[in-house]
Amino acid sequence: QRKDECPCGEGLVNIKAIEGMKRILLLLAIAVTGVPQELCAQKAAIKTNLVSDAFLNVNLGVETGLAPRWTFDLRGDVNVWTLSNDRRWRHWAVQPEFRYWFCDRFSGHFFGLHTHGGQYSIGGFDGRFNLLGTDARKLKDARFQGWFVGGGVAYGYTWILGLHWNLEMEVGFGYSYTRYDRFRCSGCGKKVETNRPHHYVGPTKAAINLVYVF
């Protein structure tokens, strides 16, 4: 096997994904342990995004109250799997967000302002869309590996299901700056582009969260 045809970089991506998950867990632990009074006063929540769950992404979110109409939300997710037909959706990401609630926090309408960052290795998917300069169709016959940072705004609504359970829906739109290496195919290591920049404008958040409120 030729050296340039080996799946180079994938082992490194797995290590980085694991390290990224450790960072996410650390940030979430700090967020939880840093607000003990909020937890005792039933002013915090933990959640999982059912949309991310459907894509096999391990994810967790925590949210805590800051003021009568303000909360801070921190979400992290990671995926280290290789799917069938050599498709890859490997990544880790964190997304902190400040939220303003129209009435009581943890219920009803809210606006959010978020940032995000992470790393990825994605390829083998037929995206079938070209949105605002981002051509997802290129993912079908190539693999893209790199990092991203950015931010955006969001709108959401939360329904109270019971004493401790909520259902939350949120959509966001924003910008991401990324630098990536492109490989000839999703499963090979033949690099054809290095450290290329890209400016993404489009959806930055899509969540249906199942929430447990303390």
Protein backbone atom coordinates (compact mmCIF):
# COMPACT_ATOMS: atom_id res chain seq x y z
CA GLN A 1 0.00 0.00 0.00
CA ARG A 2 1.33 3.37 -1.01
CA LYS A 3 2.12 5.74 1.84
CA ASP A 4 -0.01 8.54 0.43
CA GLU A 5 -3.05 6.26 0.19
CA CYS A 6 -3.22 5.29 3.86
CA PRO A 7 -6.00 6.85 5.96
CA CYS A 8 -3.65 9.28 7.65
CA GLY A 9 -5.00 11.71 10.16
CA GLU A 10 -7.89 9.50 11.29
CA GLY A 11 -6.10 8.23 14.39
CA LEU A 12 -5.22 11.81 15.27
CA VAL A 13 -8.85 12.85 14.78
CA ASN A 14 -9.99 10.10 17.18
CA ILE A 15 -7.50 11.26 19.81
CA LYS A 16 -8.57 14.88 19.33
CA ALA A 17 -12.24 13.86 19.54
CA ILE A 18 -11.61 12.08 22.83
CA GLU A 19 -9.64 15.06 24.13
CA GLY A 20 -12.42 17.32 22.95
CA MET A 21 -14.98 15.25 24.85
CA LYS A 22 -12.83 15.56 27.98
CA ARG A 23 -12.83 19.36 27.54
CA ILE A 24 -16.61 19.34 27.13
CA LEU A 25 -17.13 17.26 30.28
CA LEU A 26 -14.77 19.55 32.20
CA LEU A 27 -16.62 22.67 31.07
CA LEU A 28 -19.96 21.13 31.93
CA ALA A 29 -18.67 20.05 35.36
CA ILE A 30 -17.41 23.58 36.04
CA ALA A 31 -20.74 25.02 34.92
CA VAL A 32 -22.66 22.72 37.27
CA THR A 33 -20.40 22.90 40.34
CA GLY A 34 -19.97 26.66 39.98
CA VAL A 35 -23.63 27.39 40.70
CA PRO A 36 -24.65 25.36 43.78
CA GLN A 37 -27.13 27.98 45.00
CA GLU A 38 -28.90 27.93 41.66
CA LEU A 39 -29.23 24.15 41.76
CA CYS A 40 -30.70 24.19 45.27
CA ALA A 41 -33.20 26.88 44.28
CA GLN A 42 -34.44 24.92 41.26
CA LYS A 43 -32.91 27.41 38.87
CA ALA A 44 -30.83 25.07 36.70
CA ALA A 45 -31.41 22.31 34.16
CA ILE A 46 -29.71 19.50 32.26
CA LYS A 47 -30.79 18.46 28.78
CA THR A 48 -30.18 16.32 25.72
CA ASN A 49 -30.80 17.31 22.11
CA LEU A 50 -33.00 14.66 20.49
CA VAL A 51 -31.93 15.84 17.00
CA SER A 52 -28.27 15.16 17.85
CA ASP A 53 -29.26 11.85 19.41
CA ALA A 54 -30.85 10.84 16.11
CA PHE A 55 -27.48 11.42 14.38
CA LEU A 56 -25.67 9.28 17.02
CA ASN A 57 -23.98 12.30 18.59
CA VAL A 58 -23.22 11.98 22.29
CA ASN A 59 -24.41 15.29 23.72
CA LEU A 60 -25.21 17.03 27.00
CA GLY A 61 -26.32 20.51 27.93
CA VAL A 62 -26.57 22.44 31.20
CA GLU A 63 -28.36 25.73 31.83
CA THR A 64 -28.40 27.98 34.89
CA GLY A 65 -30.22 31.15 35.86
CA LEU A 66 -28.32 34.44 35.99
CA ALA A 67 -31.17 36.89 36.57
CA PRO A 68 -35.01 36.79 36.52
CA ARG A 69 -35.04 36.75 32.69
CA TRP A 70 -31.49 35.66 31.87
CA THR A 71 -29.89 32.20 31.74
CA PHE A 72 -26.60 30.74 30.54
CA ASP A 73 -26.69 27.55 28.45
CA LEU A 74 -23.67 25.36 27.64
CA ARG A 75 -23.92 22.47 25.19
CA GLY A 76 -21.31 19.96 24.07
CA ASP A 77 -21.42 17.02 21.68
CA VAL A 78 -19.02 14.50 20.18
CA ASN A 79 -19.11 11.79 17.52
CA VAL A 80 -16.23 9.34 16.93
CA TRP A 81 -18.05 6.79 14.77
CA THR A 82 -17.38 5.62 11.20
CA LEU A 83 -20.73 4.77 9.61
CA SER A 84 -21.58 2.29 6.85
CA ASN A 85 -20.06 2.75 3.37
CA ASP A 86 -17.07 4.52 4.99
CA ARG A 87 -19.08 7.64 5.79
CA ARG A 88 -17.61 9.88 8.50
CA TRP A 89 -19.31 12.37 10.81
CA ARG A 90 -16.57 12.65 13.44
CA HIS A 91 -16.41 15.85 15.44
CA TRP A 92 -16.45 17.53 18.81
CA ALA A 93 -18.03 20.90 19.50
CA VAL A 94 -19.05 23.25 22.32
CA GLN A 95 -21.68 26.00 22.12
CA PRO A 96 -22.19 28.44 25.02
CA GLU A 97 -25.23 30.73 24.84
CA PHE A 98 -26.75 33.60 26.79
CA ARG A 99 -30.56 33.59 26.75
CA TYR A 100 -33.15 36.29 27.37
CA TRP A 101 -36.62 35.03 28.32
CA PHE A 102 -39.72 37.08 27.49
CA CYS A 103 -41.43 36.11 30.74
CA ASP A 104 -40.30 33.54 33.32
CA ARG A 105 -37.05 31.73 32.57
CA PHE A 106 -37.26 28.05 31.57
CA SER A 107 -40.71 28.58 30.04
CA GLY A 108 -42.12 30.27 26.95
CA HIS A 109 -40.28 32.34 24.33
CA PHE A 110 -36.58 33.26 24.44
CA PHE A 111 -33.83 34.75 22.31
CA GLY A 112 -30.25 33.50 22.45
CA LEU A 113 -26.79 34.77 21.55
CA HIS A 114 -24.26 31.97 21.11
CA THR A 115 -20.69 31.20 20.10
CA HIS A 116 -19.29 27.84 19.05
CA GLY A 117 -16.07 26.01 18.20
CA GLY A 118 -14.69 22.55 17.55
CA GLN A 119 -13.00 20.14 15.16
CA TYR A 120 -14.36 17.77 12.52
CA SER A 121 -13.60 15.07 9.96
CA ILE A 122 -16.59 14.64 7.64
CA GLY A 123 -17.01 12.89 4.29
CA GLY A 124 -18.96 10.34 2.26
CA PHE A 125 -22.33 12.13 2.50
CA ASP A 126 -24.45 13.37 -0.39
CA GLY A 127 -25.37 16.81 0.92
CA ARG A 128 -27.53 17.77 -2.09
CA PHE A 129 -27.62 21.49 -1.33
CA ASN A 130 -25.65 24.64 -1.99
CA LEU A 131 -26.49 27.34 0.56
CA LEU A 132 -24.95 30.82 0.69
CA GLY A 133 -21.59 29.67 -0.69
CA THR A 134 -21.39 26.34 1.18
CA ASP A 135 -21.66 23.41 -1.26
CA ALA A 136 -22.50 20.29 0.76
CA ARG A 137 -22.49 18.20 -2.43
CA LYS A 138 -18.67 18.13 -2.22
CA LEU A 139 -18.93 15.85 0.82
CA LYS A 140 -20.05 12.94 -1.38
CA ASP A 141 -16.64 12.16 -2.91
CA ALA A 142 -14.21 13.73 -0.43
CA ARG A 143 -13.36 14.13 3.25
CA PHE A 144 -12.89 17.49 4.98
CA GLN A 145 -10.90 17.73 8.21
CA GLY A 146 -10.32 20.91 10.21
CA TRP A 147 -11.54 23.29 12.92
CA PHE A 148 -14.17 26.02 13.20
CA VAL A 149 -15.21 28.98 15.37
CA GLY A 150 -18.16 31.32 15.09
CA GLY A 151 -21.40 32.58 16.57
CA GLY A 152 -25.00 33.40 15.92
CA VAL A 153 -28.44 34.31 17.20
CA ALA A 154 -31.30 31.97 18.03
CA TYR A 155 -34.97 31.83 18.89
CA GLY A 156 -36.66 29.14 20.94
CA TYR A 157 -39.72 28.13 22.89
CA THR A 158 -40.06 25.89 25.96
CA TRP A 159 -43.14 23.89 26.97
CA ILE A 160 -43.59 22.77 30.58
CA LEU A 161 -44.43 19.04 30.60
CA GLY A 162 -44.46 18.46 34.35
CA LEU A 163 -42.93 19.41 37.68
CA HIS A 164 -39.36 18.80 36.48
CA TRP A 165 -39.66 18.10 32.73
CA ASN A 166 -39.68 20.55 29.80
CA LEU A 167 -39.59 20.24 26.03
CA GLU A 168 -37.55 22.92 24.25
CA MET A 169 -37.24 23.76 20.55
CA GLU A 170 -34.61 26.17 19.19
CA VAL A 171 -33.25 27.28 15.81
CA GLY A 172 -30.23 29.50 15.22
CA PHE A 173 -28.56 31.31 12.34
CA GLY A 174 -25.03 32.70 12.20
CA TYR A 175 -21.47 32.53 10.92
CA SER A 176 -18.52 30.15 11.20
CA TYR A 177 -14.92 30.55 10.11
CA THR A 178 -13.15 27.29 9.35
CA ARG A 179 -9.81 26.04 8.02
CA TYR A 180 -9.65 22.54 6.58
CA ASP A 181 -7.65 19.93 4.71
CA ARG A 182 -9.44 18.12 1.88
CA PHE A 183 -8.78 14.46 1.08
CA ARG A 184 -9.46 12.72 -2.24
CA CYS A 185 -12.04 10.29 -0.78
CA SER A 186 -13.79 9.73 2.53
CA GLY A 187 -11.67 6.71 3.47
CA CYS A 188 -8.23 7.45 2.01
CA GLY A 189 -5.35 9.65 3.04
CA LYS A 190 -4.49 11.35 -0.24
CA LYS A 191 -4.54 15.05 0.68
CA VAL A 192 -5.41 17.39 -2.20
CA GLU A 193 -5.85 20.70 -0.32
CA THR A 194 -4.20 22.01 2.84
CA ASN A 195 -5.26 24.66 5.37
CA ARG A 196 -7.95 26.16 3.16
CA PRO A 197 -10.23 28.87 4.67
CA HIS A 198 -13.99 28.89 4.34
CA HIS A 199 -16.68 31.31 5.51
CA TYR A 200 -19.95 29.61 6.41
CA VAL A 201 -23.22 31.53 6.76
CA GLY A 202 -26.35 29.57 7.59
CA PRO A 203 -28.07 27.54 10.31
CA THR A 204 -25.91 27.18 13.44
CA LYS A 205 -28.41 25.51 15.74
CA ALA A 206 -31.31 23.06 15.46
CA ALA A 207 -32.47 21.52 18.71
CA ILE A 208 -35.37 19.64 20.20
CA ASN A 209 -34.24 19.36 23.81
CA LEU A 210 -35.65 17.12 26.49
CA VAL A 211 -34.98 19.11 29.68
CA TYR A 212 -34.88 18.16 33.35
CA VAL A 213 -35.25 21.21 35.62
CA PHE A 214 -33.91 21.05 39.19
